[in-house]
């Protein structure tokens, strides 16, 4: 069998599972183009064409294109501006130091990643995200399948990191697990030594009102982070697909949003949300002051019997504070846990500040000096 182009009907003899997933997808019956979105769109042929791949499958593997731009060929424009929203990094004025975007190449924005192990690669690149998401479990990363940094071809988090291009479905059906596979702190805990807590969104969201039945309906990540709006045929107002993944309260609580939050919360909930976040921001500022005072106290206790316990309390206080800051939602993901963490941090910092050093014990030299003085006085008294 030979093939000039990678046509699905010819590829299915070897790739039946992939073909079956594609055959029932929107890509196979796309109305956006005359022809289906077929294999050769994403799989470039080897130098000798697809026939050499068929003759020697493992010796001549077609190159896979993982870029977002290839999806953006179709997924763009006023009706579905996915690529325009996703590509924040490509926009003029993008702040590489402060802005965060899936489109930002990790090797440019965080070059230290190139020196890290492949556990970082699993979430900082599309090459790593694909094998990472093969296991639904948030902490189930199989590092044997994740490439080394030197082998990564796509450092941005592109469409195919989250969407299987063959079925066009999420790689993990449960979107919270999908996002949680990267947006988690690797289950770090306060142990008296750990002070760095990176993106603990998964841990913070768990058992919140959004997934424990308290809220009338369960809410996942996309419900808030992908506020959407349909294209307006009358005004020509551009659609919004939510692929910046930013929280947009004004749109989320707007009657124009497709998310449904407006039905219960109306537009009045935007200032309520901002007020709730403001309270947490103020408490974090207060904790920074406590941290500075506790640092002074900790230094004062250095060398005393109270130091080790104080250091553990100080580190745990930072842990709880950094967990709230690292979550980034200022309490919206889980108000109860956020307040618990802020309280824990305050109590622990005050514990360090209020701890008094124990009276210092005389050293060996001091004991010898006292003993020598007593001996000398005894000798003098006997002589007299």
Protein backbone atom coordinates (compact mmCIF):
# COMPACT_ATOMS: atom_id res chain seq x y z
CA UNK A 1 0.00 0.00 0.00
CA UNK A 2 1.33 3.44 -0.93
CA UNK A 3 0.00 6.90 -0.23
CA UNK A 4 0.80 10.35 -1.52
CA UNK A 5 -1.33 12.17 1.07
CA UNK A 6 -2.26 11.09 4.59
CA UNK A 7 -5.91 10.32 3.96
CA UNK A 8 -7.92 8.93 6.91
CA UNK A 9 -9.29 5.96 4.97
CA UNK A 10 -5.74 4.83 4.19
CA UNK A 11 -4.38 5.55 7.68
CA UNK A 12 -7.10 3.64 9.52
CA UNK A 13 -5.71 0.21 8.65
CA UNK A 14 -2.94 0.83 11.20
CA UNK A 15 -4.45 3.58 13.33
CA UNK A 16 -7.97 2.24 13.77
CA UNK A 17 -8.54 3.66 17.26
CA UNK A 18 -7.48 7.14 16.22
CA UNK A 19 -9.50 6.88 13.02
CA UNK A 20 -12.65 5.87 14.92
CA UNK A 21 -12.28 8.82 17.30
CA UNK A 22 -11.75 11.20 14.39
CA UNK A 23 -14.57 9.73 12.28
CA UNK A 24 -17.28 10.72 14.78
CA UNK A 25 -15.74 14.10 15.60
CA UNK A 26 -16.61 17.55 14.31
CA UNK A 27 -13.33 17.53 12.40
CA UNK A 28 -14.54 14.71 10.19
CA UNK A 29 -17.80 16.48 9.40
CA UNK A 30 -16.68 20.06 9.64
CA UNK A 31 -18.88 22.67 8.01
CA UNK A 32 -16.03 25.17 8.13
CA UNK A 33 -14.34 23.63 5.11
CA UNK A 34 -15.40 21.70 2.05
CA UNK A 35 -13.24 18.72 3.00
CA UNK A 36 -12.82 17.10 6.43
CA UNK A 37 -9.91 18.11 8.65
CA UNK A 38 -7.82 15.07 7.83
CA UNK A 39 -4.51 13.58 8.92
CA UNK A 40 -2.13 15.53 6.70
CA UNK A 41 -3.35 18.84 8.16
CA UNK A 42 -1.47 18.16 11.40
CA UNK A 43 0.95 15.38 10.37
CA UNK A 44 3.61 16.54 7.92
CA UNK A 45 4.94 13.73 5.71
CA UNK A 46 8.49 12.40 6.06
CA UNK A 47 10.94 13.51 3.39
CA UNK A 48 10.04 10.50 1.25
CA UNK A 49 6.28 11.02 1.57
CA UNK A 50 3.68 8.99 3.41
CA UNK A 51 4.52 5.86 1.44
CA UNK A 52 7.88 5.51 3.21
CA UNK A 53 6.09 5.82 6.56
CA UNK A 54 3.75 2.99 5.54
CA UNK A 55 6.70 0.87 4.44
CA UNK A 56 8.72 1.61 7.58
CA UNK A 57 6.40 3.09 10.23
CA UNK A 58 8.93 3.53 13.01
CA UNK A 59 11.81 4.55 10.78
CA UNK A 60 9.89 7.32 9.00
CA UNK A 61 7.52 8.95 11.43
CA UNK A 62 5.48 11.94 10.18
CA UNK A 63 6.25 15.14 12.05
CA UNK A 64 3.45 16.23 14.37
CA UNK A 65 2.55 19.90 14.54
CA UNK A 66 1.61 20.87 18.13
CA UNK A 67 1.24 24.60 17.51
CA UNK A 68 -1.87 26.64 18.22
CA UNK A 69 -1.48 28.42 14.92
CA UNK A 70 -2.47 25.34 12.94
CA UNK A 71 -5.76 25.20 14.89
CA UNK A 72 -6.07 28.96 14.48
CA UNK A 73 -6.32 28.51 10.73
CA UNK A 74 -10.01 27.74 11.32
CA UNK A 75 -10.64 28.74 14.92
CA UNK A 76 -10.46 32.48 14.41
CA UNK A 77 -12.60 35.41 13.40
CA UNK A 78 -15.56 37.28 14.87
CA UNK A 79 -17.65 34.15 15.46
CA UNK A 80 -15.03 32.09 17.27
CA UNK A 81 -11.86 34.10 17.99
CA UNK A 82 -10.08 31.31 19.85
CA UNK A 83 -6.59 31.97 18.50
CA UNK A 84 -6.92 35.74 18.93
CA UNK A 85 -7.82 35.34 22.61
CA UNK A 86 -5.26 32.64 23.33
CA UNK A 87 -2.35 34.51 21.73
CA UNK A 88 -1.86 37.12 24.45
CA UNK A 89 1.91 36.70 24.22
CA UNK A 90 1.83 37.81 20.60
CA UNK A 91 0.00 41.04 21.38
CA UNK A 92 1.86 44.33 21.60
CA UNK A 93 2.57 45.39 25.16
CA UNK A 94 2.46 41.92 26.72
CA UNK A 95 4.14 42.16 30.12
CA UNK A 96 6.35 39.09 30.28
CA UNK A 97 7.25 39.80 33.92
CA UNK A 98 3.72 40.22 35.24
CA UNK A 99 1.22 38.77 32.79
CA UNK A 100 0.46 35.05 32.74
CA UNK A 101 -0.81 33.31 29.65
CA UNK A 102 -0.89 29.81 28.20
CA UNK A 103 0.55 31.32 25.03
CA UNK A 104 3.73 32.51 26.74
CA UNK A 105 6.58 30.13 25.85
CA UNK A 106 8.02 28.84 29.12
CA UNK A 107 11.56 28.80 27.74
CA UNK A 108 11.25 32.56 27.15
CA UNK A 109 9.22 33.65 30.18
CA UNK A 110 10.80 31.19 32.64
CA UNK A 111 14.18 30.19 31.15
CA UNK A 112 15.18 28.43 34.38
CA UNK A 113 12.77 25.68 33.30
CA UNK A 114 15.44 24.50 30.87
CA UNK A 115 17.59 23.53 33.85
CA UNK A 116 14.79 21.82 35.80
CA UNK A 117 13.75 18.18 35.71
CA UNK A 118 10.92 16.91 33.53
CA UNK A 119 8.31 17.27 36.27
CA UNK A 120 8.31 20.99 35.36
CA UNK A 121 8.26 20.16 31.65
CA UNK A 122 5.02 18.22 32.21
CA UNK A 123 3.09 21.43 32.86
CA UNK A 124 5.19 24.06 31.15
CA UNK A 125 5.06 22.63 27.64
CA UNK A 126 2.57 20.99 25.31
CA UNK A 127 5.00 18.12 24.73
CA UNK A 128 4.93 17.40 28.46
CA UNK A 129 1.25 18.09 29.06
CA UNK A 130 0.06 15.40 26.64
CA UNK A 131 1.66 12.45 28.50
CA UNK A 132 0.88 14.12 31.82
CA UNK A 133 -2.85 14.09 31.01
CA UNK A 134 -2.79 10.43 29.99
CA UNK A 135 -3.52 9.65 33.66
CA UNK A 136 -6.55 11.43 35.12
CA UNK A 137 -5.15 11.34 38.65
CA UNK A 138 -3.82 14.78 39.60
CA UNK A 139 -0.70 13.36 41.21
CA UNK A 140 -0.35 10.44 38.79
CA UNK A 141 2.44 11.85 36.65
CA UNK A 142 4.48 9.22 34.81
CA UNK A 143 7.80 10.98 34.41
CA UNK A 144 9.11 8.20 32.17
CA UNK A 145 6.80 9.44 29.41
CA UNK A 146 7.49 13.15 29.81
CA UNK A 147 10.28 14.46 27.55
CA UNK A 148 13.40 16.16 28.79
CA UNK A 149 13.60 19.92 28.27
CA UNK A 150 16.08 19.45 25.43
CA UNK A 151 13.51 17.42 23.46
CA UNK A 152 10.58 19.86 23.74
CA UNK A 153 9.31 21.37 20.50
CA UNK A 154 6.36 23.43 21.81
CA UNK A 155 6.89 25.38 25.02
CA UNK A 156 3.52 27.16 24.96
CA UNK A 157 0.38 25.44 26.24
CA UNK A 158 -1.44 25.10 22.95
CA UNK A 159 -4.85 23.76 21.95
CA UNK A 160 -3.75 20.11 21.70
CA UNK A 161 -2.46 20.15 25.27
CA UNK A 162 -6.06 20.16 26.50
CA UNK A 163 -8.00 18.97 23.44
CA UNK A 164 -7.39 15.64 21.72
CA UNK A 165 -7.19 16.76 18.07
CA UNK A 166 -8.60 13.45 16.81
CA UNK A 167 -11.81 13.46 18.83
CA UNK A 168 -11.83 17.24 19.48
CA UNK A 169 -12.83 16.39 23.08
CA UNK A 170 -11.03 17.28 26.30
CA UNK A 171 -8.15 14.90 27.01
CA UNK A 172 -9.80 14.38 30.40
CA UNK A 173 -13.58 14.58 30.41
CA UNK A 174 -13.75 16.08 33.91
CA UNK A 175 -12.52 19.62 33.28
CA UNK A 176 -11.54 20.15 36.94
CA UNK A 177 -9.20 17.16 36.72
CA UNK A 178 -7.99 18.44 33.36
CA UNK A 179 -6.96 21.79 34.81
CA UNK A 180 -5.96 20.29 38.16
CA UNK A 181 -3.29 18.12 36.58
CA UNK A 182 -1.16 21.24 36.22
CA UNK A 183 -2.76 23.74 38.57
CA UNK A 184 -1.79 21.97 41.78
CA UNK A 185 0.93 22.36 44.40
CA UNK A 186 2.02 18.71 44.21
CA UNK A 187 0.30 18.23 47.57
CA UNK A 188 2.85 20.09 49.68
CA UNK A 189 2.00 20.48 53.35
CA UNK A 190 3.15 22.59 56.33
CA UNK A 191 6.03 20.62 57.79
CA UNK A 192 8.03 23.33 59.53
CA UNK A 193 10.42 23.66 56.59
CA UNK A 194 8.37 24.21 53.41
CA UNK A 195 7.59 27.86 52.64
CA UNK A 196 7.05 27.81 48.87
CA UNK A 197 3.53 26.93 47.69
CA UNK A 198 3.09 27.18 43.92
CA UNK A 199 -0.38 27.33 42.29
CA UNK A 200 -2.38 25.27 44.87
CA UNK A 201 -5.61 25.84 42.92
CA UNK A 202 -6.61 22.16 42.90
CA UNK A 203 -6.09 21.75 46.64
CA UNK A 204 -7.90 25.01 47.42
CA UNK A 205 -10.90 24.22 45.20
CA UNK A 206 -11.44 20.74 46.67
CA UNK A 207 -14.33 20.53 49.14
CA UNK A 208 -15.29 24.12 48.43
CA UNK A 209 -18.92 25.15 48.07
CA UNK A 210 -18.55 24.62 44.33
CA UNK A 211 -18.09 20.87 44.56
CA UNK A 212 -19.51 19.80 47.95
CA UNK A 213 -23.18 20.42 47.22
CA UNK A 214 -23.55 23.74 49.05
CA UNK A 215 -23.79 25.76 45.84
CA UNK A 216 -27.01 24.97 43.94
CA UNK A 217 -24.98 23.57 41.04
CA UNK A 218 -21.42 22.31 40.87
CA UNK A 219 -19.07 24.79 39.25
CA UNK A 220 -15.89 23.84 37.42
CA UNK A 221 -12.96 25.89 36.22
CA UNK A 222 -14.40 26.90 32.85
CA UNK A 223 -17.64 28.14 34.41
CA UNK A 224 -15.76 31.11 35.86
CA UNK A 225 -12.51 31.30 33.90
CA UNK A 226 -14.07 30.99 30.45
CA UNK A 227 -16.85 33.56 30.36
CA UNK A 228 -18.38 33.38 26.89
CA UNK A 229 -20.57 35.47 24.64
CA UNK A 230 -22.09 34.54 21.32
CA UNK A 231 -21.52 36.52 18.15
CA UNK A 232 -24.17 39.23 17.74
CA UNK A 233 -25.65 39.00 14.24
CA UNK A 234 -27.33 42.39 14.58
CA UNK A 235 -24.54 44.55 15.98
CA UNK A 236 -21.66 42.46 14.69
CA UNK A 237 -20.20 42.37 18.21
CA UNK A 238 -17.41 39.80 18.32
CA UNK A 239 -17.98 36.56 20.18
CA UNK A 240 -15.96 35.72 23.29
CA UNK A 241 -14.78 32.12 23.79
CA UNK A 242 -12.96 32.50 27.10
CA UNK A 243 -9.59 31.29 25.84
CA UNK A 244 -7.65 33.92 27.78
CA UNK A 245 -8.81 31.96 30.86
CA UNK A 246 -8.94 35.22 32.82
CA UNK A 247 -11.68 35.85 35.37
CA UNK A 248 -13.92 38.51 33.78
CA UNK A 249 -16.58 39.38 36.41
CA UNK A 250 -18.27 42.09 34.33
CA UNK A 251 -18.91 39.63 31.51
CA UNK A 252 -19.57 36.66 33.80
CA UNK A 253 -22.40 38.48 35.58
CA UNK A 254 -23.77 40.07 32.43
CA UNK A 255 -27.02 39.08 30.67
CA UNK A 256 -24.92 38.75 27.50
CA UNK A 257 -22.81 35.95 28.98
CA UNK A 258 -23.54 32.36 27.99
CA UNK A 259 -22.37 30.98 31.36
CA UNK A 260 -25.65 31.46 33.22
CA UNK A 261 -24.29 33.18 36.35
CA UNK A 262 -26.45 36.23 35.66
CA UNK A 263 -29.63 34.21 36.15
CA UNK A 264 -29.07 34.10 39.91
CA UNK A 265 -26.43 36.71 40.70
CA UNK A 266 -27.30 39.51 38.26
CA UNK A 267 -24.77 42.22 37.52
CA UNK A 268 -24.74 43.37 41.15
CA UNK A 269 -22.46 40.50 42.12
CA UNK A 270 -19.37 42.04 40.49
CA UNK A 271 -18.76 44.60 43.31
CA UNK A 272 -19.57 41.88 45.87
CA UNK A 273 -16.87 39.68 44.38
CA UNK A 274 -14.36 42.52 44.37
CA UNK A 275 -15.20 43.38 47.99
CA UNK A 276 -14.61 39.79 49.08
CA UNK A 277 -11.24 39.78 47.34
CA UNK A 278 -10.38 43.15 48.89
CA UNK A 279 -10.81 41.76 52.40
CA UNK A 280 -8.35 38.95 51.69
CA UNK A 281 -5.89 41.38 50.09
CA UNK A 282 -5.97 43.55 53.23
CA UNK A 283 -5.39 40.56 55.47
CA UNK A 284 -2.42 39.53 53.36
CA UNK A 285 -0.97 43.03 53.77
CA UNK A 286 -1.40 42.74 57.54
CA UNK A 287 0.37 39.39 57.48
CA UNK A 288 3.34 40.95 55.68
CA UNK A 289 3.73 43.32 58.63
CA UNK A 290 3.47 40.43 61.08
CA UNK A 291 6.01 38.50 59.06
CA UNK A 292 8.52 41.36 59.34
CA UNK A 293 8.01 41.59 63.11
CA UNK A 294 8.24 37.81 63.50
CA UNK A 295 11.49 37.82 61.51
CA UNK A 296 13.00 40.26 64.01
CA UNK A 297 11.83 38.12 66.92
CA UNK A 298 13.18 34.98 65.29
CA UNK A 299 16.60 36.55 64.96
CA UNK A 300 16.48 37.53 68.63
CA UNK A 301 15.75 33.91 69.54
CA UNK A 302 18.62 32.55 67.48
CA UNK A 303 20.95 30.53 69.66
CA UNK A 304 18.37 29.90 72.36
CA UNK A 305 16.43 26.75 73.20
CA UNK A 306 13.30 28.35 71.69
CA UNK A 307 14.77 28.90 68.24
CA UNK A 308 13.95 25.59 66.50
CA UNK A 309 10.29 25.62 67.54
CA UNK A 310 10.03 29.28 66.59
CA UNK A 311 11.57 28.64 63.19
CA UNK A 312 9.07 25.85 62.50
CA UNK A 313 6.17 28.15 63.45
CA UNK A 314 7.60 30.94 61.31
CA UNK A 315 7.98 28.67 58.27
CA UNK A 316 4.47 27.27 58.69
CA UNK A 317 3.08 30.79 58.96
CA UNK A 318 4.72 31.63 55.64
CA UNK A 319 3.37 28.39 54.16
CA UNK A 320 -0.25 29.30 54.92
CA UNK A 321 0.23 32.86 53.71
CA UNK A 322 1.92 31.75 50.48
CA UNK A 323 -0.80 29.15 49.85
CA UNK A 324 -3.39 31.93 49.77
CA UNK A 325 -1.21 34.13 47.59
CA UNK A 326 -0.27 31.26 45.28
CA UNK A 327 -3.90 30.31 44.76
CA UNK A 328 -4.42 33.76 43.26
CA UNK A 329 -8.20 33.91 43.67
CA UNK A 330 -8.10 35.92 46.92
CA UNK A 331 -10.53 33.54 48.55
CA UNK A 332 -12.98 33.00 45.70
CA UNK A 333 -11.94 29.37 45.10
CA UNK A 334 -12.60 28.50 48.73
CA UNK A 335 -13.50 31.24 51.20
CA UNK A 336 -13.59 28.95 54.24
CA UNK A 337 -10.16 27.44 53.63
CA UNK A 338 -8.68 30.82 52.74
CA UNK A 339 -9.82 32.31 56.05
CA UNK A 340 -8.58 29.24 57.91
CA UNK A 341 -5.15 29.62 56.33
CA UNK A 342 -5.02 33.35 57.06
CA UNK A 343 -5.96 32.70 60.70
CA UNK A 344 -3.31 29.97 60.98
CA UNK A 345 -0.67 32.30 59.59
CA UNK A 346 -1.59 35.12 61.99
CA UNK A 347 -1.57 32.81 65.03
CA UNK A 348 1.81 31.32 64.12
CA UNK A 349 3.49 34.67 63.44
CA UNK A 350 2.18 36.00 66.78
CA UNK A 351 3.47 32.85 68.44
CA UNK A 352 6.97 33.70 67.26
CA UNK A 353 6.61 37.35 68.23
CA UNK A 354 5.34 36.53 71.71
CA UNK A 355 7.82 33.78 72.51
CA UNK A 356 10.35 34.72 75.18
CA UNK A 357 13.83 33.31 75.20
CA UNK A 358 14.60 31.00 78.11
CA UNK A 359 17.22 32.21 80.60
CA UNK A 360 20.57 31.32 79.13
CA UNK A 361 22.38 28.52 80.92
CA UNK A 362 25.96 29.21 82.13
CA UNK A 363 28.56 27.77 79.86
CA UNK A 364 31.45 25.48 80.87
CA UNK A 365 33.89 28.40 81.01
CA UNK A 366 31.60 30.30 83.37
CA UNK A 367 31.29 27.28 85.65
CA UNK A 368 35.07 26.92 85.76
CA UNK A 369 35.45 30.60 86.59
CA UNK A 370 32.97 30.40 89.46
CA UNK A 371 34.58 27.22 90.75
CA UNK A 372 38.00 28.88 90.59
CA UNK A 373 36.77 31.91 92.51
CA UNK A 374 35.26 29.72 95.24
CA UNK A 375 38.49 27.71 95.50
CA UNK A 376 40.58 30.88 95.77
CA UNK A 377 38.36 32.33 98.50
CA UNK A 378 38.52 29.04 100.41
CA UNK A 379 42.34 29.00 100.19
CA UNK A 380 42.60 32.60 101.42
CA UNK A 381 40.24 31.96 104.31
CA UNK A 382 42.21 28.93 105.44
CA UNK A 383 45.50 30.84 105.19
CA UNK A 384 44.16 33.62 107.40
